[in-house]
């Protein structure tokens, strides 16, 4: 379930799926887009996105992550966040894994509590994140940190995220909401321009994977690989996958 709680000029959008640690599936991604569109239609001046309970978002619901539909819905949702004309703040509580990290970095700002953890362990399951995610991660946290997360499958704890620029402030949901309420008092046209300039000058869109045909082919190859099929079997059989690079 995705819940929206309006408070003056700020909308709090909460991922509320305790039984799956707020993991995302197609339906929840669609609901999240509707919630963001609803906040914009209401005239909210800032959005706070968080997860209920002890997880921000445990990533993709692995029962559906291997489908083309999930990929399409995920990148459409990331596009909705980055294209929103108002600031979006992620209040990261607990793990933000895989698609959870992608959701957090699509937001404009990130507030992390002491339990926050970022990780993109795609190399452990044969998946791949799109070039936009790689670029965004490197722009925010630096190339070295992006390599550690993507190539070393390292997890980044809250203190490290703050040090490396992946997070902007420490604190819980209260801190994020207070920051959002402050931002909501600022000049909307200036904020809209600043966000548009940052996205236009430094970013490609999540929907456009890459203009580089070689990079796009390598990305798609991961999603059609025998290794990905092996990872799917291994998960069903509760064993470690045996990757062969094909």
Protein backbone atom coordinates (compact mmCIF):
# COMPACT_ATOMS: atom_id res chain seq x y z
CA UNK A 1 0.00 0.00 0.00
CA UNK A 2 1.10 3.58 -0.68
CA UNK A 3 -0.31 6.18 1.69
CA UNK A 4 -0.33 9.97 1.34
CA UNK A 5 -0.58 12.34 4.30
CA UNK A 6 -0.95 16.02 3.37
CA UNK A 7 0.33 18.54 5.92
CA UNK A 8 -0.06 22.16 4.81
CA UNK A 9 2.16 22.48 1.71
CA UNK A 10 3.96 19.14 2.16
CA UNK A 11 2.77 15.66 1.17
CA UNK A 12 4.22 12.69 3.05
CA UNK A 13 4.17 9.60 0.82
CA UNK A 14 4.81 6.33 2.63
CA UNK A 15 5.65 2.88 1.31
CA UNK A 16 3.60 0.63 3.61
CA UNK A 17 4.16 -3.02 2.80
CA UNK A 18 5.47 -4.56 6.01
CA UNK A 19 5.25 -8.16 4.93
CA UNK A 20 7.74 -7.47 2.10
CA UNK A 21 9.87 -4.83 3.89
CA UNK A 22 8.38 -2.25 1.51
CA UNK A 23 9.68 -4.05 -1.58
CA UNK A 24 8.35 -2.74 -4.86
CA UNK A 25 6.22 -4.56 -7.41
CA UNK A 26 4.38 -3.32 -10.49
CA UNK A 27 1.22 -2.34 -8.62
CA UNK A 28 3.09 -0.40 -5.92
CA UNK A 29 5.18 1.43 -8.50
CA UNK A 30 1.99 2.49 -10.29
CA UNK A 31 0.45 3.59 -6.99
CA UNK A 32 3.59 5.56 -6.12
CA UNK A 33 3.41 7.46 -9.41
CA UNK A 34 -0.24 8.24 -8.77
CA UNK A 35 0.65 9.53 -5.30
CA UNK A 36 3.32 11.85 -6.69
CA UNK A 37 1.00 13.09 -9.43
CA UNK A 38 -1.68 13.62 -6.79
CA UNK A 39 0.67 15.72 -4.66
CA UNK A 40 1.45 17.91 -7.66
CA UNK A 41 -2.23 18.24 -8.54
CA UNK A 42 -3.02 19.23 -4.94
CA UNK A 43 -0.50 22.03 -5.16
CA UNK A 44 2.01 20.63 -2.66
CA UNK A 45 5.30 22.51 -2.60
CA UNK A 46 7.44 19.60 -1.39
CA UNK A 47 7.18 15.84 -1.01
CA UNK A 48 8.73 13.55 1.59
CA UNK A 49 9.05 9.89 0.61
CA UNK A 50 9.68 7.29 3.30
CA UNK A 51 9.08 3.67 4.25
CA UNK A 52 6.94 2.55 7.15
CA UNK A 53 8.51 0.36 9.80
CA UNK A 54 12.19 -0.58 9.86
CA UNK A 55 12.93 -0.46 6.10
CA UNK A 56 12.90 2.34 3.57
CA UNK A 57 12.62 -0.11 0.68
CA UNK A 58 14.15 -3.58 0.47
CA UNK A 59 14.29 -3.28 -3.31
CA UNK A 60 12.33 -5.06 -5.96
CA UNK A 61 9.90 -7.79 -5.07
CA UNK A 62 11.90 -10.67 -6.50
CA UNK A 63 8.74 -12.52 -7.50
CA UNK A 64 8.32 -10.00 -10.31
CA UNK A 65 11.65 -8.23 -10.78
CA UNK A 66 12.61 -10.35 -13.79
CA UNK A 67 9.71 -9.14 -15.95
CA UNK A 68 9.89 -6.44 -18.60
CA UNK A 69 6.79 -4.89 -17.01
CA UNK A 70 8.63 -4.32 -13.74
CA UNK A 71 11.56 -2.62 -15.47
CA UNK A 72 9.22 -0.35 -17.40
CA UNK A 73 7.27 0.61 -14.29
CA UNK A 74 10.42 1.19 -12.24
CA UNK A 75 12.02 3.56 -14.73
CA UNK A 76 8.71 5.34 -15.33
CA UNK A 77 8.49 5.93 -11.57
CA UNK A 78 12.06 7.22 -11.35
CA UNK A 79 11.24 9.56 -14.23
CA UNK A 80 8.15 10.81 -12.42
CA UNK A 81 10.24 11.69 -9.36
CA UNK A 82 13.00 13.44 -11.27
CA UNK A 83 10.50 15.30 -13.46
CA UNK A 84 8.40 16.50 -10.52
CA UNK A 85 8.43 20.30 -10.46
CA UNK A 86 8.84 20.43 -6.67
CA UNK A 87 11.61 19.12 -4.39
CA UNK A 88 11.29 15.49 -3.31
CA UNK A 89 13.06 14.44 -0.09
CA UNK A 90 13.76 10.80 0.76
CA UNK A 91 13.61 10.07 4.49
CA UNK A 92 15.69 6.89 4.49
CA UNK A 93 15.03 4.64 7.45
CA UNK A 94 16.79 1.30 7.42
CA UNK A 95 17.80 -0.57 4.25
CA UNK A 96 17.45 1.01 0.81
CA UNK A 97 18.52 -1.93 -1.32
CA UNK A 98 18.66 -2.17 -5.12
CA UNK A 99 15.53 -0.44 -6.37
CA UNK A 100 15.33 1.17 -2.93
CA UNK A 101 18.64 2.93 -3.56
CA UNK A 102 17.43 3.89 -7.03
CA UNK A 103 14.29 5.38 -5.50
CA UNK A 104 16.34 7.34 -2.95
CA UNK A 105 18.80 8.76 -5.46
CA UNK A 106 15.98 9.77 -7.81
CA UNK A 107 14.83 12.11 -5.03
CA UNK A 108 16.42 15.55 -4.83
CA UNK A 109 17.56 15.29 -1.22
CA UNK A 110 18.13 12.50 1.28
CA UNK A 111 17.81 12.53 5.08
CA UNK A 112 19.17 9.38 6.73
CA UNK A 113 18.63 7.99 10.19
CA UNK A 114 21.28 5.90 11.94
CA UNK A 115 19.93 2.64 10.50
CA UNK A 116 20.02 3.72 6.84
CA UNK A 117 21.95 1.50 4.43
CA UNK A 118 22.40 1.81 0.68
CA UNK A 119 23.34 -1.13 -1.53
CA UNK A 120 23.00 -2.24 -5.16
CA UNK A 121 23.94 -5.95 -5.13
CA UNK A 122 23.10 -6.63 -8.77
CA UNK A 123 26.36 -8.52 -9.36
CA UNK A 124 25.19 -11.13 -6.86
CA UNK A 125 21.99 -11.91 -8.75
CA UNK A 126 22.84 -11.31 -12.42
CA UNK A 127 20.70 -8.18 -12.71
CA UNK A 128 21.82 -4.74 -13.89
CA UNK A 129 20.83 -1.16 -13.19
CA UNK A 130 20.50 1.21 -16.13
CA UNK A 131 23.19 3.75 -17.12
CA UNK A 132 21.16 6.60 -15.57
CA UNK A 133 21.42 4.94 -12.15
CA UNK A 134 25.19 4.44 -12.54
CA UNK A 135 25.63 8.07 -13.56
CA UNK A 136 23.39 9.45 -10.80
CA UNK A 137 25.14 7.36 -8.17
CA UNK A 138 28.57 8.55 -9.33
CA UNK A 139 27.44 12.19 -9.49
CA UNK A 140 26.11 12.07 -5.94
CA UNK A 141 28.62 9.85 -4.16
CA UNK A 142 31.68 10.04 -6.43
CA UNK A 143 33.14 7.53 -8.85
CA UNK A 144 35.09 5.63 -6.21
CA UNK A 145 32.04 5.07 -4.06
CA UNK A 146 29.95 4.09 -7.08
CA UNK A 147 32.59 1.50 -8.01
CA UNK A 148 32.61 0.14 -4.48
CA UNK A 149 28.82 -0.21 -4.47
CA UNK A 150 28.43 -1.61 -8.00
CA UNK A 151 31.63 -3.64 -8.46
CA UNK A 152 32.36 -4.59 -4.86
CA UNK A 153 28.71 -4.91 -3.83
CA UNK A 154 29.60 -2.90 -0.73
CA UNK A 155 26.88 -1.50 1.50
CA UNK A 156 27.09 2.18 2.45
CA UNK A 157 25.99 2.93 5.99
CA UNK A 158 24.45 6.24 7.07
CA UNK A 159 27.68 7.88 8.28
CA UNK A 160 29.50 6.94 5.08
CA UNK A 161 26.60 8.15 2.96
CA UNK A 162 26.82 11.55 4.65
CA UNK A 163 30.60 11.67 4.21
CA UNK A 164 30.48 10.77 0.52
CA UNK A 165 27.54 13.01 -0.42
CA UNK A 166 24.94 10.32 -0.97
CA UNK A 167 22.99 11.76 1.97
CA UNK A 168 22.43 15.42 2.82
CA UNK A 169 21.37 15.42 6.46
CA UNK A 170 21.16 13.01 9.37
CA UNK A 171 17.90 12.55 11.20
CA UNK A 172 14.60 10.79 11.08
CA UNK A 173 11.25 11.49 9.50
CA UNK A 174 10.69 14.50 11.76
CA UNK A 175 13.86 16.17 10.45
CA UNK A 176 12.87 15.43 6.85
CA UNK A 177 9.38 16.87 7.34
CA UNK A 178 10.74 19.99 9.02
CA UNK A 179 13.16 20.52 6.13
CA UNK A 180 10.33 20.03 3.64
CA UNK A 181 8.13 22.55 5.47
CA UNK A 182 10.98 25.06 5.34
CA UNK A 183 11.51 24.43 1.63
CA UNK A 184 7.77 24.85 1.09
CA UNK A 185 8.07 28.49 2.21
CA UNK A 186 10.65 29.25 -0.50
CA UNK A 187 9.99 30.74 -3.94
CA UNK A 188 8.37 27.98 -6.04
CA UNK A 189 9.54 29.32 -9.40
CA UNK A 190 13.14 29.52 -8.20
CA UNK A 191 13.01 25.96 -6.87
CA UNK A 192 11.41 24.73 -10.09
CA UNK A 193 14.10 26.42 -12.16
CA UNK A 194 16.94 25.14 -9.99
CA UNK A 195 15.68 21.55 -10.15
CA UNK A 196 15.14 21.77 -13.90
CA UNK A 197 18.62 23.21 -14.41
CA UNK A 198 20.27 20.53 -12.30
CA UNK A 199 18.42 17.75 -14.10
CA UNK A 200 18.99 19.23 -17.56
CA UNK A 201 22.65 20.19 -17.20
CA UNK A 202 23.92 17.10 -15.40
CA UNK A 203 21.51 14.25 -16.04
CA UNK A 204 19.99 12.21 -18.79
CA UNK A 205 16.47 10.92 -18.11
CA UNK A 206 15.90 7.54 -16.44
CA UNK A 207 13.82 6.44 -19.44
CA UNK A 208 16.67 7.04 -21.89
CA UNK A 209 19.11 4.32 -20.92
CA UNK A 210 21.92 5.64 -23.07
CA UNK A 211 22.80 7.02 -26.47
CA UNK A 212 25.75 4.63 -26.47
CA UNK A 213 24.68 1.52 -28.38
CA UNK A 214 27.48 -0.58 -26.85
CA UNK A 215 26.46 0.36 -23.31
CA UNK A 216 22.80 -0.29 -24.02
CA UNK A 217 23.60 -3.68 -25.56
CA UNK A 218 25.65 -4.67 -22.50
CA UNK A 219 22.81 -3.64 -20.20
CA UNK A 220 20.24 -5.63 -22.16
CA UNK A 221 22.58 -8.62 -22.34
CA UNK A 222 22.51 -8.91 -18.56
CA UNK A 223 18.71 -9.11 -18.58
CA UNK A 224 18.66 -11.86 -21.23
CA UNK A 225 21.63 -13.85 -19.94
CA UNK A 226 21.91 -17.46 -18.86
CA UNK A 227 23.44 -16.11 -15.65
CA UNK A 228 20.20 -14.31 -14.81
CA UNK A 229 18.25 -17.50 -15.43
CA UNK A 230 20.71 -19.33 -13.17
CA UNK A 231 20.21 -16.73 -10.44
CA UNK A 232 16.45 -17.24 -10.69
CA UNK A 233 16.83 -21.02 -10.34
CA UNK A 234 19.28 -20.64 -7.48
CA UNK A 235 16.90 -18.41 -5.58
CA UNK A 236 14.07 -20.94 -5.98
CA UNK A 237 16.41 -23.74 -4.88
CA UNK A 238 17.85 -21.69 -2.00
CA UNK A 239 21.47 -22.02 -3.11
CA UNK A 240 24.30 -19.80 -4.29
CA UNK A 241 24.17 -19.18 -8.05
CA UNK A 242 26.99 -20.47 -10.27
CA UNK A 243 27.70 -17.79 -12.85
CA UNK A 244 29.46 -18.57 -16.12
CA UNK A 245 29.45 -15.19 -17.85
CA UNK A 246 26.97 -16.03 -20.61
